[in-house]
């Protein structure tokens, strides 16, 4: 992009984990990802390519949710703390809410 305010993140150096980005903001991000890719109506009514792409996005969403649940920071980190000052722990409640209670 030519946007001077754009920030590039090396995902290999920043593995999936809890960012603290929750609530309406996080829902809007995923809502935009799904809706801006032309997913309108029930899945059964979409063409094969749209259904496949929807399932790919859904799989990505599940993968990210599972990774975040497995590497969850349990409380806000003080701004001046070193990155290794606190342990990252699995969050079973989050896993069940975002992945475990949705069998398909």
Protein backbone atom coordinates (compact mmCIF):
# COMPACT_ATOMS: atom_id res chain seq x y z
CA UNK A 1 0.00 0.00 0.00
CA UNK A 2 1.02 3.61 -0.47
CA UNK A 3 -0.58 4.64 2.83
CA UNK A 4 2.12 6.41 4.89
CA UNK A 5 0.34 5.35 8.09
CA UNK A 6 0.36 1.65 7.18
CA UNK A 7 2.11 -0.64 9.62
CA UNK A 8 3.60 -3.92 8.44
CA UNK A 9 3.78 -6.78 10.91
CA UNK A 10 5.99 -9.84 10.40
CA UNK A 11 3.62 -12.61 11.48
CA UNK A 12 6.49 -15.07 11.78
CA UNK A 13 7.85 -12.89 14.60
CA UNK A 14 4.40 -12.30 16.12
CA UNK A 15 2.60 -15.63 16.52
CA UNK A 16 -1.14 -15.79 17.12
CA UNK A 17 -1.97 -14.96 20.71
CA UNK A 18 -4.38 -12.84 22.70
CA UNK A 19 -4.03 -9.22 21.62
CA UNK A 20 -6.73 -7.94 23.93
CA UNK A 21 -8.76 -6.89 20.87
CA UNK A 22 -12.26 -7.97 21.92
CA UNK A 23 -15.91 -6.97 21.86
CA UNK A 24 -17.59 -4.95 19.14
CA UNK A 25 -14.31 -4.05 17.45
CA UNK A 26 -13.27 -7.67 17.00
CA UNK A 27 -16.77 -8.64 15.83
CA UNK A 28 -16.70 -5.81 13.27
CA UNK A 29 -13.38 -7.04 11.87
CA UNK A 30 -14.66 -10.60 11.34
CA UNK A 31 -18.02 -9.29 10.14
CA UNK A 32 -16.25 -7.19 7.51
CA UNK A 33 -14.06 -10.12 6.43
CA UNK A 34 -17.14 -12.27 5.81
CA UNK A 35 -19.51 -9.63 4.40
CA UNK A 36 -17.01 -7.89 2.12
CA UNK A 37 -16.37 -11.19 0.40
CA UNK A 38 -19.93 -11.36 -0.96
CA UNK A 39 -21.30 -13.94 1.45
CA UNK A 40 -24.97 -13.07 1.32
CA UNK A 41 -27.72 -15.50 2.26
CA UNK A 42 -27.57 -19.06 3.56
CA UNK A 43 -24.50 -21.16 2.81
CA UNK A 44 -26.60 -23.64 0.81
CA UNK A 45 -27.54 -20.87 -1.66
CA UNK A 46 -23.95 -19.84 -2.42
CA UNK A 47 -22.15 -21.09 -5.50
CA UNK A 48 -19.43 -23.72 -5.08
CA UNK A 49 -16.57 -21.20 -5.19
CA UNK A 50 -18.25 -18.98 -2.59
CA UNK A 51 -18.95 -21.94 -0.31
CA UNK A 52 -15.33 -23.09 -0.61
CA UNK A 53 -13.99 -19.62 0.11
CA UNK A 54 -16.40 -19.23 3.04
CA UNK A 55 -15.15 -22.54 4.47
CA UNK A 56 -11.54 -21.44 4.04
CA UNK A 57 -12.25 -18.20 5.91
CA UNK A 58 -14.18 -20.10 8.54
CA UNK A 59 -11.26 -22.51 8.99
CA UNK A 60 -8.87 -19.58 9.34
CA UNK A 61 -11.19 -18.02 11.92
CA UNK A 62 -11.32 -21.29 13.91
CA UNK A 63 -7.55 -21.74 13.69
CA UNK A 64 -6.89 -18.23 14.98
CA UNK A 65 -9.46 -18.65 17.77
CA UNK A 66 -7.91 -21.98 18.84
CA UNK A 67 -4.39 -20.51 18.82
CA UNK A 68 -5.48 -17.50 20.85
CA UNK A 69 -7.24 -19.78 23.34
CA UNK A 70 -4.09 -21.91 23.66
CA UNK A 71 -1.81 -18.88 24.14
CA UNK A 72 -3.96 -16.55 26.18
CA UNK A 73 -2.69 -13.79 28.39
CA UNK A 74 -4.96 -13.96 31.44
CA UNK A 75 -4.82 -10.30 32.52
CA UNK A 76 -3.74 -6.94 31.07
CA UNK A 77 0.01 -6.53 31.00
CA UNK A 78 1.42 -3.34 32.55
CA UNK A 79 2.93 -1.17 29.79
CA UNK A 80 6.44 -1.15 31.31
CA UNK A 81 6.64 -4.94 31.84
CA UNK A 82 9.17 -7.00 29.90
CA UNK A 83 7.53 -9.38 27.37
CA UNK A 84 8.50 -12.49 29.38
CA UNK A 85 7.30 -11.18 32.77
CA UNK A 86 4.06 -13.18 32.74
CA UNK A 87 3.01 -16.63 31.61
CA UNK A 88 0.70 -17.22 28.68
CA UNK A 89 -1.82 -19.90 29.58
CA UNK A 90 -4.56 -21.88 27.82
CA UNK A 91 -8.04 -20.40 28.26
CA UNK A 92 -10.55 -23.27 28.19
CA UNK A 93 -13.56 -20.98 28.68
CA UNK A 94 -12.61 -18.93 25.62
CA UNK A 95 -11.91 -22.10 23.62
CA UNK A 96 -15.34 -23.53 24.42
CA UNK A 97 -17.08 -20.21 23.64
CA UNK A 98 -15.32 -19.68 20.30
CA UNK A 99 -14.51 -23.20 19.06
CA UNK A 100 -15.44 -26.11 21.30
CA UNK A 101 -19.21 -25.57 21.37
CA UNK A 102 -19.40 -25.40 17.56
CA UNK A 103 -18.89 -28.98 16.31
CA UNK A 104 -18.91 -28.20 12.58
